[in-house]
């Protein structure tokens, strides 16, 4: 994960927590949708964050 922002880390923990909830309640299709959507969103945020101009101190 390239994005070192605490907000996004909390978002990913929540998304994967929802995935785990669906997995352990035997709703595997919803778990797969959340996992795929979460991974896609995480990759998208990381690539945008990578190309965002960084401030120099």
PDB file of N, CA and C in Angstrom:
ATOM      1  N   UNK A   1       0.855  -1.173   0.000  1.00  0.00           N
ATOM      2  CA  UNK A   1       0.000   0.000   0.000  1.00  0.00           C
ATOM      3  C   UNK A   1       0.898   1.232   0.000  1.00  0.00           C
ATOM      4  N   UNK A   2       0.759   2.057  -1.005  1.00  0.00           N
ATOM      5  CA  UNK A   2       1.597   3.237  -1.128  1.00  0.00           C
ATOM      6  C   UNK A   2       1.031   4.421  -0.355  1.00  0.00           C
ATOM      7  N   UNK A   3      -0.254   4.445  -0.185  1.00  0.00           N
ATOM      8  CA  UNK A   3      -0.903   5.568   0.482  1.00  0.00           C
ATOM      9  C   UNK A   3      -0.705   5.446   1.992  1.00  0.00           C
ATOM     10  N   UNK A   4       0.022   6.390   2.575  1.00  0.00           N
ATOM     11  CA  UNK A   4       0.324   6.333   3.998  1.00  0.00           C
ATOM     12  C   UNK A   4      -0.569   7.288   4.783  1.00  0.00           C
ATOM     13  N   UNK A   5      -1.831   7.378   4.385  1.00  0.00           N
ATOM     14  CA  UNK A   5      -2.792   8.265   5.016  1.00  0.00           C
ATOM     15  C   UNK A   5      -3.631   7.452   6.007  1.00  0.00           C
ATOM     16  N   UNK A   6      -3.711   7.914   7.257  1.00  0.00           N
ATOM     17  CA  UNK A   6      -4.424   7.173   8.293  1.00  0.00           C
ATOM     18  C   UNK A   6      -5.906   7.008   7.961  1.00  0.00           C
ATOM     19  N   UNK A   7      -6.518   8.035   7.359  1.00  0.00           N
ATOM     20  CA  UNK A   7      -7.938   7.954   6.994  1.00  0.00           C
ATOM     21  C   UNK A   7      -8.191   6.788   6.048  1.00  0.00           C
ATOM     22  N   UNK A   8      -7.360   6.662   5.007  1.00  0.00           N
ATOM     23  CA  UNK A   8      -7.560   5.583   4.044  1.00  0.00           C
ATOM     24  C   UNK A   8      -7.278   4.218   4.668  1.00  0.00           C
ATOM     25  N   UNK A   9      -6.324   4.139   5.576  1.00  0.00           N
ATOM     26  CA  UNK A   9      -6.073   2.863   6.244  1.00  0.00           C
ATOM     27  C   UNK A   9      -7.291   2.429   7.052  1.00  0.00           C
ATOM     28  N   UNK A  10      -7.949   3.378   7.718  1.00  0.00           N
ATOM     29  CA  UNK A  10      -9.155   3.063   8.472  1.00  0.00           C
ATOM     30  C   UNK A  10     -10.277   2.628   7.531  1.00  0.00           C
ATOM     31  N   UNK A  11     -10.397   3.300   6.393  1.00  0.00           N
ATOM     32  CA  UNK A  11     -11.418   2.922   5.396  1.00  0.00           C
ATOM     33  C   UNK A  11     -11.194   1.488   4.930  1.00  0.00           C
ATOM     34  N   UNK A  12      -9.941   1.116   4.649  1.00  0.00           N
ATOM     35  CA  UNK A  12      -9.675  -0.241   4.150  1.00  0.00           C
ATOM     36  C   UNK A  12      -9.956  -1.275   5.232  1.00  0.00           C
ATOM     37  N   UNK A  13      -9.657  -0.958   6.480  1.00  0.00           N
ATOM     38  CA  UNK A  13      -9.965  -1.887   7.570  1.00  0.00           C
ATOM     39  C   UNK A  13     -11.481  -2.111   7.665  1.00  0.00           C
ATOM     40  N   UNK A  14     -12.258  -1.049   7.505  1.00  0.00           N
ATOM     41  CA  UNK A  14     -13.722  -1.175   7.545  1.00  0.00           C
ATOM     42  C   UNK A  14     -14.223  -2.016   6.366  1.00  0.00           C
ATOM     43  N   UNK A  15     -13.695  -1.746   5.166  1.00  0.00           N
ATOM     44  CA  UNK A  15     -14.120  -2.498   3.979  1.00  0.00           C
ATOM     45  C   UNK A  15     -13.799  -3.980   4.137  1.00  0.00           C
ATOM     46  N   UNK A  16     -12.594  -4.299   4.598  1.00  0.00           N
ATOM     47  CA  UNK A  16     -12.234  -5.704   4.766  1.00  0.00           C
ATOM     48  C   UNK A  16     -12.952  -6.326   5.963  1.00  0.00           C
ATOM     49  N   UNK A  17     -13.333  -5.525   6.942  1.00  0.00           N
ATOM     50  CA  UNK A  17     -14.150  -6.022   8.038  1.00  0.00           C
ATOM     51  C   UNK A  17     -15.527  -6.429   7.553  1.00  0.00           C
ATOM     52  N   UNK A  18     -16.107  -5.623   6.667  1.00  0.00           N
ATOM     53  CA  UNK A  18     -17.404  -5.973   6.075  1.00  0.00           C
ATOM     54  C   UNK A  18     -17.269  -7.257   5.260  1.00  0.00           C
ATOM     55  N   UNK A  19     -16.161  -7.401   4.546  1.00  0.00           N
ATOM     56  CA  UNK A  19     -15.905  -8.629   3.789  1.00  0.00           C
ATOM     57  C   UNK A  19     -15.854  -9.834   4.727  1.00  0.00           C
ATOM     58  N   UNK A  20     -15.160  -9.688   5.848  1.00  0.00           N
ATOM     59  CA  UNK A  20     -15.068 -10.789   6.809  1.00  0.00           C
ATOM     60  C   UNK A  20     -16.443 -11.118   7.392  1.00  0.00           C
ATOM     61  N   UNK A  21     -17.240 -10.087   7.667  1.00  0.00           N
ATOM     62  CA  UNK A  21     -18.590 -10.315   8.189  1.00  0.00           C
ATOM     63  C   UNK A  21     -19.409 -11.158   7.216  1.00  0.00           C
ATOM     64  N   UNK A  22     -19.397 -10.779   5.933  1.00  0.00           N
ATOM     65  CA  UNK A  22     -20.162 -11.536   4.945  1.00  0.00           C
ATOM     66  C   UNK A  22     -19.607 -12.949   4.781  1.00  0.00           C
ATOM     67  N   UNK A  23     -18.280 -13.098   4.909  1.00  0.00           N
ATOM     68  CA  UNK A  23     -17.677 -14.428   4.781  1.00  0.00           C
ATOM     69  C   UNK A  23     -18.150 -15.352   5.894  1.00  0.00           C
ATOM     70  N   UNK A  24     -18.157 -14.856   7.129  1.00  0.00           N
ATOM     71  CA  UNK A  24     -18.489 -15.708   8.265  1.00  0.00           C
ATOM     72  C   UNK A  24     -19.988 -15.856   8.493  1.00  0.00           C
ATOM     73  N   UNK A  25     -20.811 -15.115   7.732  1.00  0.00           N
ATOM     74  CA  UNK A  25     -22.259 -15.324   7.818  1.00  0.00           C
ATOM     75  C   UNK A  25     -22.781 -16.071   6.591  1.00  0.00           C
ATOM     76  N   UNK A  26     -21.881 -16.740   5.879  1.00  0.00           N
ATOM     77  CA  UNK A  26     -22.214 -17.589   4.723  1.00  0.00           C
ATOM     78  C   UNK A  26     -22.891 -16.829   3.585  1.00  0.00           C
ATOM     79  N   UNK A  27     -22.467 -15.612   3.353  1.00  0.00           N
ATOM     80  CA  UNK A  27     -22.934 -14.836   2.191  1.00  0.00           C
ATOM     81  C   UNK A  27     -21.721 -14.581   1.296  1.00  0.00           C
ATOM     82  N   UNK A  28     -21.256 -15.670   0.675  1.00  0.00           N
ATOM     83  CA  UNK A  28     -19.984 -15.612  -0.035  1.00  0.00           C
ATOM     84  C   UNK A  28     -20.019 -14.717  -1.271  1.00  0.00           C
ATOM     85  N   UNK A  29     -21.147 -14.632  -1.956  1.00  0.00           N
ATOM     86  CA  UNK A  29     -21.203 -13.765  -3.138  1.00  0.00           C
ATOM     87  C   UNK A  29     -21.033 -12.297  -2.735  1.00  0.00           C
ATOM     88  N   UNK A  30     -21.705 -11.881  -1.680  1.00  0.00           N
ATOM     89  CA  UNK A  30     -21.541 -10.502  -1.209  1.00  0.00           C
ATOM     90  C   UNK A  30     -20.111 -10.272  -0.723  1.00  0.00           C
ATOM     91  N   UNK A  31     -19.518 -11.273  -0.078  1.00  0.00           N
ATOM     92  CA  UNK A  31     -18.136 -11.158   0.387  1.00  0.00           C
ATOM     93  C   UNK A  31     -17.192 -10.975  -0.798  1.00  0.00           C
ATOM     94  N   UNK A  32     -17.433 -11.701  -1.884  1.00  0.00           N
ATOM     95  CA  UNK A  32     -16.577 -11.573  -3.060  1.00  0.00           C
ATOM     96  C   UNK A  32     -16.760 -10.210  -3.714  1.00  0.00           C
ATOM     97  N   UNK A  33     -17.996  -9.702  -3.748  1.00  0.00           N
ATOM     98  CA  UNK A  33     -18.222  -8.368  -4.303  1.00  0.00           C
ATOM     99  C   UNK A  33     -17.504  -7.307  -3.490  1.00  0.00           C
ATOM    100  N   UNK A  34     -17.596  -7.401  -2.156  1.00  0.00           N
ATOM    101  CA  UNK A  34     -16.919  -6.421  -1.294  1.00  0.00           C
ATOM    102  C   UNK A  34     -15.405  -6.526  -1.420  1.00  0.00           C
ATOM    103  N   UNK A  35     -14.891  -7.754  -1.530  1.00  0.00           N
ATOM    104  CA  UNK A  35     -13.443  -7.943  -1.658  1.00  0.00           C
ATOM    105  C   UNK A  35     -12.949  -7.361  -2.983  1.00  0.00           C
ATOM    106  N   UNK A  36     -13.649  -7.662  -4.062  1.00  0.00           N
ATOM    107  CA  UNK A  36     -13.238  -7.144  -5.364  1.00  0.00           C
ATOM    108  C   UNK A  36     -13.351  -5.618  -5.406  1.00  0.00           C
ATOM    109  N   UNK A  37     -14.451  -5.093  -4.898  1.00  0.00           N
ATOM    110  CA  UNK A  37     -14.628  -3.639  -4.874  1.00  0.00           C
ATOM    111  C   UNK A  37     -13.610  -2.949  -3.986  1.00  0.00           C
ATOM    112  N   UNK A  38     -13.319  -3.539  -2.834  1.00  0.00           N
ATOM    113  CA  UNK A  38     -12.334  -2.964  -1.928  1.00  0.00           C
ATOM    114  C   UNK A  38     -10.940  -2.972  -2.511  1.00  0.00           C
ATOM    115  N   UNK A  39     -10.566  -4.066  -3.146  1.00  0.00           N
ATOM    116  CA  UNK A  39      -9.235  -4.135  -3.757  1.00  0.00           C
ATOM    117  C   UNK A  39      -9.111  -3.160  -4.921  1.00  0.00           C
ATOM    118  N   UNK A  40     -10.166  -3.033  -5.725  1.00  0.00           N
ATOM    119  CA  UNK A  40     -10.134  -2.085  -6.834  1.00  0.00           C
ATOM    120  C   UNK A  40     -10.039  -0.654  -6.323  1.00  0.00           C
ATOM    121  N   UNK A  41     -10.834  -0.317  -5.302  1.00  0.00           N
ATOM    122  CA  UNK A  41     -10.797   1.033  -4.738  1.00  0.00           C
ATOM    123  C   UNK A  41      -9.433   1.333  -4.121  1.00  0.00           C
ATOM    124  N   UNK A  42      -8.853   0.358  -3.431  1.00  0.00           N
ATOM    125  CA  UNK A  42      -7.547   0.555  -2.822  1.00  0.00           C
ATOM    126  C   UNK A  42      -6.473   0.787  -3.887  1.00  0.00           C
ATOM    127  N   UNK A  43      -6.510   0.018  -4.948  1.00  0.00           N
ATOM    128  CA  UNK A  43      -5.534   0.201  -6.026  1.00  0.00           C
ATOM    129  C   UNK A  43      -5.722   1.550  -6.707  1.00  0.00           C
ATOM    130  N   UNK A  44      -6.971   1.955  -6.905  1.00  0.00           N
ATOM    131  CA  UNK A  44      -7.253   3.235  -7.544  1.00  0.00           C
ATOM    132  C   UNK A  44      -6.762   4.402  -6.688  1.00  0.00           C
ATOM    133  N   UNK A  45      -7.033   4.360  -5.391  1.00  0.00           N
ATOM    134  CA  UNK A  45      -6.572   5.420  -4.496  1.00  0.00           C
ATOM    135  C   UNK A  45      -5.046   5.453  -4.446  1.00  0.00           C
ATOM    136  N   UNK A  46      -4.410   4.276  -4.416  1.00  0.00           N
ATOM    137  CA  UNK A  46      -2.951   4.229  -4.368  1.00  0.00           C
ATOM    138  C   UNK A  46      -2.317   4.809  -5.629  1.00  0.00           C
ATOM    139  N   UNK A  47      -2.894   4.529  -6.794  1.00  0.00           N
ATOM    140  CA  UNK A  47      -2.304   5.054  -8.033  1.00  0.00           C
ATOM    141  C   UNK A  47      -2.520   6.561  -8.138  1.00  0.00           C
ATOM    142  N   UNK A  48      -3.671   7.039  -7.698  1.00  0.00           N
ATOM    143  CA  UNK A  48      -3.912   8.486  -7.702  1.00  0.00           C
ATOM    144  C   UNK A  48      -2.979   9.171  -6.716  1.00  0.00           C
ATOM    145  N   UNK A  49      -2.822   8.576  -5.539  1.00  0.00           N
ATOM    146  CA  UNK A  49      -1.935   9.141  -4.518  1.00  0.00           C
ATOM    147  C   UNK A  49      -0.486   9.163  -5.009  1.00  0.00           C
ATOM    148  N   UNK A  50      -0.103   8.150  -5.793  1.00  0.00           N
ATOM    149  CA  UNK A  50       1.262   8.079  -6.310  1.00  0.00           C
ATOM    150  C   UNK A  50       1.565   9.249  -7.257  1.00  0.00           C
ATOM    151  N   UNK A  51       0.612   9.615  -8.100  1.00  0.00           N
ATOM    152  CA  UNK A  51       0.843  10.668  -9.079  1.00  0.00           C
ATOM    153  C   UNK A  51       0.471  12.054  -8.574  1.00  0.00           C
ATOM    154  N   UNK A  52      -0.082  12.154  -7.366  1.00  0.00           N
ATOM    155  CA  UNK A  52      -0.440  13.455  -6.788  1.00  0.00           C
ATOM    156  C   UNK A  52       0.839  14.217  -6.456  1.00  0.00           C
ATOM    157  N   UNK A  53       0.912  15.518  -6.785  1.00  0.00           N
ATOM    158  CA  UNK A  53       2.135  16.256  -6.482  1.00  0.00           C
ATOM    159  C   UNK A  53       2.391  16.312  -4.964  1.00  0.00           C
ATOM    160  N   UNK A  54       3.629  16.045  -4.605  1.00  0.00           N
ATOM    161  CA  UNK A  54       3.983  16.018  -3.190  1.00  0.00           C
ATOM    162  C   UNK A  54       4.641  17.342  -2.786  1.00  0.00           C
ATOM    163  N   UNK A  55       4.348  17.776  -1.570  1.00  0.00           N
ATOM    164  CA  UNK A  55       4.950  19.010  -1.052  1.00  0.00           C
ATOM    165  C   UNK A  55       6.358  18.694  -0.539  1.00  0.00           C
ATOM    166  N   UNK A  56       7.268  19.603  -0.773  1.00  0.00           N
ATOM    167  CA  UNK A  56       8.627  19.455  -0.240  1.00  0.00           C
ATOM    168  C   UNK A  56       8.786  20.338   0.975  1.00  0.00           C
ATOM    169  N   UNK A  57       9.387  19.799   2.017  1.00  0.00           N
ATOM    170  CA  UNK A  57       9.574  20.567   3.255  1.00  0.00           C
ATOM    171  C   UNK A  57      10.764  21.494   3.145  1.00  0.00           C
TER     172      UNK A  57
END
